[in-house]
């Protein structure tokens, strides 16, 4: 039996690590047969423009994949099999959390795996993932060039900047850049989303009001809006927004 040919596939999230991985692999003349980018429908507009810019730079087609059903369908309309994943009506999944990251599987992993299955008959697929050297806990069963190169997250970002990629300043605002509506973001990142991208923040408020579950375990987006407004008021009068008095008054304001 003839040995299968190898298909070297880059899983490109578009962030600093996967971008650095792709550029470094090409710089080192490593084999690249396929570049896949999954658009969740909730990417920052600047991220989509970054993908376009990157494609022109590498002079290699980046295949843009998208799930058949979008994020909003799963959030509002999907018929859940388990009541713990839905409201009493049985429609709409909750926002993602640490144990139920359906958005990653439904909008990314499943989409990529489905696309790659068409190559399994004739190829041995090698999938390359952009995880840096200082993230060893995320290493699983794929190929991680940045980890092998000993490149950290900070070094990956600096390398991308040197190559002319700046994501229109996203990494100057956020420590991590993923879907703008991700509930797993820190409070600080959500505060920055509200400040720098008010239209996306307003859209998130609407999304939260249309769903049956809380955006985060301890906050709805509306409550976060109240918190951020209260923070601004307290700063104006010189109150420490990290102090005990602030949080005591915040609990009263939110009826917690």
Protein backbone atom coordinates (compact mmCIF):
# COMPACT_ATOMS: atom_id res chain seq x y z
CA UNK A 1 0.00 0.00 0.00
CA UNK A 2 1.34 3.42 -0.95
CA UNK A 3 2.05 5.77 1.94
CA UNK A 4 -0.27 8.77 2.08
CA UNK A 5 1.03 12.20 1.17
CA UNK A 6 1.18 14.78 3.97
CA UNK A 7 -1.14 17.79 4.03
CA UNK A 8 0.30 20.54 6.24
CA UNK A 9 -2.58 22.66 7.54
CA UNK A 10 -2.27 25.97 9.40
CA UNK A 11 -5.12 26.72 11.82
CA UNK A 12 -5.11 30.50 11.78
CA UNK A 13 -7.09 32.23 14.51
CA UNK A 14 -5.73 35.56 13.29
CA UNK A 15 -4.25 36.52 16.64
CA UNK A 16 -0.62 37.31 17.40
CA UNK A 17 0.46 33.72 18.03
CA UNK A 18 -1.03 32.05 14.97
CA UNK A 19 0.08 34.98 12.79
CA UNK A 20 3.64 34.74 14.09
CA UNK A 21 3.57 30.97 13.61
CA UNK A 22 2.57 31.27 9.95
CA UNK A 23 5.13 33.97 9.19
CA UNK A 24 7.94 32.11 10.95
CA UNK A 25 7.10 28.83 9.24
CA UNK A 26 7.23 30.48 5.83
CA UNK A 27 10.43 32.29 6.80
CA UNK A 28 12.02 28.96 7.73
CA UNK A 29 10.74 27.35 4.48
CA UNK A 30 8.59 24.90 6.40
CA UNK A 31 5.84 23.21 4.35
CA UNK A 32 2.49 25.01 4.26
CA UNK A 33 -0.23 23.45 2.09
CA UNK A 34 -3.40 24.96 3.51
CA UNK A 35 -4.27 27.97 5.67
CA UNK A 36 -7.68 27.93 7.37
CA UNK A 37 -9.37 30.84 9.14
CA UNK A 38 -12.72 30.33 10.86
CA UNK A 39 -14.94 33.42 11.02
CA UNK A 40 -17.29 33.10 14.01
CA UNK A 41 -19.32 36.10 12.91
CA UNK A 42 -18.27 37.91 16.10
CA UNK A 43 -14.74 38.90 15.13
CA UNK A 44 -13.54 42.44 15.56
CA UNK A 45 -13.75 44.19 12.15
CA UNK A 46 -10.04 44.97 12.51
CA UNK A 47 -9.33 41.24 12.77
CA UNK A 48 -11.01 40.56 9.44
CA UNK A 49 -9.00 43.36 7.85
CA UNK A 50 -5.87 41.84 9.40
CA UNK A 51 -6.62 38.52 7.66
CA UNK A 52 -6.96 40.33 4.32
CA UNK A 53 -3.66 42.14 4.92
CA UNK A 54 -1.92 38.92 5.96
CA UNK A 55 -3.14 37.10 2.86
CA UNK A 56 -1.64 39.76 0.60
CA UNK A 57 1.62 39.67 2.54
CA UNK A 58 2.16 35.89 2.40
CA UNK A 59 0.83 35.69 -1.17
CA UNK A 60 -0.96 32.49 -0.28
CA UNK A 61 -4.74 31.98 -0.21
CA UNK A 62 -6.31 31.93 3.23
CA UNK A 63 -9.46 29.81 3.16
CA UNK A 64 -12.21 31.49 5.17
CA UNK A 65 -14.59 29.03 6.77
CA UNK A 66 -17.90 29.73 8.48
CA UNK A 67 -20.40 27.50 10.27
CA UNK A 68 -23.71 26.84 8.54
CA UNK A 69 -25.56 28.32 11.52
CA UNK A 70 -24.29 31.50 13.12
CA UNK A 71 -23.63 32.48 16.74
CA UNK A 72 -26.98 34.24 17.11
CA UNK A 73 -28.86 31.10 16.03
CA UNK A 74 -27.33 29.04 18.84
CA UNK A 75 -27.83 31.83 21.37
CA UNK A 76 -31.50 32.48 20.58
CA UNK A 77 -33.03 29.66 18.54
CA UNK A 78 -31.22 26.34 18.91
CA UNK A 79 -33.35 23.53 20.35
CA UNK A 80 -31.42 22.22 23.36
CA UNK A 81 -31.40 18.52 24.26
CA UNK A 82 -30.88 19.20 27.96
CA UNK A 83 -32.79 21.64 30.14
CA UNK A 84 -29.60 22.68 31.87
CA UNK A 85 -28.50 24.14 28.53
CA UNK A 86 -31.70 26.06 27.86
CA UNK A 87 -34.58 27.96 29.38
CA UNK A 88 -38.02 26.51 30.17
CA UNK A 89 -39.06 26.95 26.54
CA UNK A 90 -36.09 24.86 25.47
CA UNK A 91 -34.60 27.23 22.91
CA UNK A 92 -31.30 29.00 22.92
CA UNK A 93 -28.03 28.00 24.56
CA UNK A 94 -26.54 30.05 27.40
CA UNK A 95 -23.56 32.28 26.92
CA UNK A 96 -20.36 30.24 27.01
CA UNK A 97 -18.64 29.59 30.32
CA UNK A 98 -15.66 27.66 31.58
CA UNK A 99 -17.38 24.27 31.23
CA UNK A 100 -19.56 24.86 28.18
CA UNK A 101 -17.68 26.55 25.35
CA UNK A 102 -20.12 25.61 22.60
CA UNK A 103 -19.06 28.59 20.49
CA UNK A 104 -15.53 27.21 20.12
CA UNK A 105 -16.76 23.77 19.09
CA UNK A 106 -19.74 24.75 16.92
CA UNK A 107 -18.22 27.79 15.21
CA UNK A 108 -14.56 26.75 14.97
CA UNK A 109 -13.42 23.22 15.83
CA UNK A 110 -16.31 21.36 14.22
CA UNK A 111 -16.12 23.53 11.11
CA UNK A 112 -12.39 22.96 10.66
CA UNK A 113 -12.65 19.22 11.34
CA UNK A 114 -15.45 18.87 8.81
CA UNK A 115 -13.36 20.67 6.19
CA UNK A 116 -10.32 18.49 6.90
CA UNK A 117 -12.23 15.20 6.72
CA UNK A 118 -12.31 15.47 2.94
CA UNK A 119 -8.51 15.02 2.92
CA UNK A 120 -8.33 12.01 5.24
CA UNK A 121 -8.71 9.42 2.51
CA UNK A 122 -5.73 10.56 0.46
CA UNK A 123 -3.59 12.50 2.94
CA UNK A 124 -2.11 12.38 6.39
CA UNK A 125 -3.21 15.71 7.80
CA UNK A 126 -0.77 17.57 10.05
CA UNK A 127 -2.44 20.46 11.85
CA UNK A 128 -0.34 23.38 13.11
CA UNK A 129 -1.62 25.46 16.04
CA UNK A 130 -0.28 28.82 17.27
CA UNK A 131 0.41 28.26 20.96
CA UNK A 132 3.42 30.02 22.45
CA UNK A 133 6.23 28.58 24.55
CA UNK A 134 4.85 30.08 27.78
CA UNK A 135 1.50 28.26 27.43
CA UNK A 136 2.54 24.61 28.03
CA UNK A 137 -0.81 23.65 29.62
CA UNK A 138 -2.54 24.17 26.26
CA UNK A 139 -0.31 21.67 24.43
CA UNK A 140 -2.28 18.61 23.31
CA UNK A 141 -2.05 16.40 20.24
CA UNK A 142 -1.37 18.80 17.38
CA UNK A 143 1.88 20.46 16.17
CA UNK A 144 2.96 23.68 17.89
CA UNK A 145 5.84 25.41 16.05
CA UNK A 146 6.01 28.44 18.36
CA UNK A 147 6.39 26.14 21.34
CA UNK A 148 9.12 24.24 19.52
CA UNK A 149 10.85 27.48 18.55
CA UNK A 150 10.76 28.69 22.17
CA UNK A 151 8.81 31.81 21.18
CA UNK A 152 6.77 33.42 23.99
CA UNK A 153 3.54 35.39 23.58
CA UNK A 154 5.37 38.69 24.07
CA UNK A 155 8.00 37.74 21.51
CA UNK A 156 5.32 36.64 19.03
CA UNK A 157 3.58 40.02 19.28
CA UNK A 158 6.86 41.93 18.90
CA UNK A 159 7.73 39.83 15.86
CA UNK A 160 4.37 40.62 14.23
CA UNK A 161 4.80 44.33 14.92
CA UNK A 162 8.23 44.19 13.28
CA UNK A 163 6.61 42.65 10.20
CA UNK A 164 4.10 45.49 10.01
CA UNK A 165 1.04 43.85 11.56
CA UNK A 166 -0.64 45.86 14.31
CA UNK A 167 -4.34 44.81 14.21
CA UNK A 168 -5.17 48.53 14.13
CA UNK A 169 -4.22 48.78 17.80
CA UNK A 170 -6.29 45.91 19.24
CA UNK A 171 -3.37 44.55 21.24
CA UNK A 172 -2.67 47.98 22.63
CA UNK A 173 -6.15 47.86 24.18
CA UNK A 174 -6.71 44.19 25.03
CA UNK A 175 -4.37 41.57 26.44
CA UNK A 176 -6.10 38.92 24.33
CA UNK A 177 -8.12 39.33 21.15
CA UNK A 178 -10.92 36.86 20.51
CA UNK A 179 -14.63 37.31 19.79
CA UNK A 180 -15.65 40.75 21.01
CA UNK A 181 -18.74 39.35 22.77
CA UNK A 182 -16.92 36.61 24.70
CA UNK A 183 -18.21 36.38 28.31
CA UNK A 184 -14.92 34.78 29.38
CA UNK A 185 -13.19 38.13 29.00
CA UNK A 186 -12.00 39.88 32.12
CA UNK A 187 -13.99 42.75 33.58
CA UNK A 188 -11.13 45.02 32.55
CA UNK A 189 -11.36 43.92 28.91
CA UNK A 190 -15.12 44.46 28.93
CA UNK A 191 -14.58 47.92 30.37
CA UNK A 192 -12.20 48.64 27.49
CA UNK A 193 -14.70 47.24 24.97
CA UNK A 194 -17.28 49.71 26.26
CA UNK A 195 -14.79 52.59 26.10
CA UNK A 196 -13.18 51.95 22.71
CA UNK A 197 -15.98 50.15 20.81
CA UNK A 198 -19.27 51.69 22.04
CA UNK A 199 -21.28 50.35 19.08
CA UNK A 200 -20.21 46.78 19.81
CA UNK A 201 -20.93 47.35 23.50
CA UNK A 202 -24.45 48.57 22.67
CA UNK A 203 -24.94 45.47 20.53
CA UNK A 204 -23.83 43.30 23.44
CA UNK A 205 -26.40 44.96 25.72
CA UNK A 206 -29.11 44.07 23.19
CA UNK A 207 -27.84 40.49 22.89
CA UNK A 208 -27.93 40.09 26.65
CA UNK A 209 -31.49 41.39 26.90
CA UNK A 210 -32.68 38.94 24.23
CA UNK A 211 -31.32 35.89 26.05
CA UNK A 212 -32.64 34.08 29.12
CA UNK A 213 -29.36 33.61 30.98
CA UNK A 214 -26.75 35.92 32.50
CA UNK A 215 -23.83 37.05 30.40
CA UNK A 216 -21.44 36.21 33.23
CA UNK A 217 -22.11 34.19 36.38
CA UNK A 218 -22.18 37.35 38.48
CA UNK A 219 -23.25 40.04 35.98
CA UNK A 220 -25.63 40.74 33.16
CA UNK A 221 -24.30 43.20 30.59
CA UNK A 222 -26.83 45.73 31.88
CA UNK A 223 -25.38 45.33 35.38
CA UNK A 224 -21.89 45.79 33.97
CA UNK A 225 -23.09 49.00 32.34
CA UNK A 226 -24.38 50.15 35.73
CA UNK A 227 -21.08 49.22 37.34
CA UNK A 228 -18.99 51.08 34.78
CA UNK A 229 -21.18 54.17 35.05
CA UNK A 230 -20.88 54.01 38.84
CA UNK A 231 -17.10 53.66 38.55
CA UNK A 232 -16.96 56.86 36.52
CA UNK A 233 -19.05 58.69 39.11
CA UNK A 234 -16.84 57.46 41.93
CA UNK A 235 -13.64 58.43 40.12
CA UNK A 236 -15.01 61.95 39.70
CA UNK A 237 -15.35 62.29 43.48
CA UNK A 238 -12.02 60.61 44.20
CA UNK A 239 -13.35 57.29 45.52
CA UNK A 240 -11.15 54.22 45.14
CA UNK A 241 -13.06 51.87 42.80
CA UNK A 242 -11.12 48.90 44.14
CA UNK A 243 -11.88 49.63 47.78
CA UNK A 244 -14.35 48.03 50.18
CA UNK A 245 -16.63 51.08 50.27
CA UNK A 246 -17.01 51.04 46.48
CA UNK A 247 -18.03 47.38 46.33
CA UNK A 248 -20.41 47.79 49.26
CA UNK A 249 -22.22 50.59 47.44
CA UNK A 250 -22.07 48.67 44.16
CA UNK A 251 -23.83 45.66 45.73
CA UNK A 252 -26.59 47.95 46.97
CA UNK A 253 -26.90 49.54 43.53
CA UNK A 254 -27.20 46.14 41.83
CA UNK A 255 -29.44 44.72 44.59
CA UNK A 256 -26.92 41.94 45.25
